[in-house]
């Protein structure tokens, strides 16, 4: 994703500081007792915010590297009281998070890192999958969507290596009834308009 720099970003972010978690160890205390689900790589925020709107009985946390994306997402939150964000490296955050913290995980259109030498950077590489298991409650659903065949095939291989059973596997979710209620992201809509097929899978932690 190409990030457009925002002029005077630090000043503009002050208004939305209440939506930002800076310490991974404080996640639990920032939310109430509703179940908490996580999206890694929230992009423009449309997926996570729509999830929060549709499911007021659930809390949501979004993590992305870029403050510009947090600013874009935060401006859409409005009166929602069940969504917060973090900015920075998920590799750094995950080891500091409490075990069994989340009840669900979403990976939407993660960076595919298509070159073989970069395969360990993919968010579905085995070390990440094991890290997710630690912070997810047993039996939590993990949902992955991508337009990249290399990433999708690699993900299936990595899941098999860590003994995860995939269900709702689809090579074209637009034409798959089991995915009809899936909320599309901004880029998913663009890819679909260009005729690109979107792949998806779900598994349980």
Foldseek 3Di string as FASTA:
>chain_A
DDDDDDPPLVVLCVVVVLQEDEAQACVVVSDDDAAEEEEEACALVPQVLVVCVVCVSYAYEYEEADSSSVSNNSVPNPPRPRYHYYHRDVVVNLVNHAFQRHQEYEYEAFDQLQDPVCNCVTCLALVNVVSVNRRHHFFHKYKYKHLDPSSVVVNVVRCVVVPWDKDPWDQALVPPPVCPPRDDDPVSVVCVVVVGGMTMIMTTD
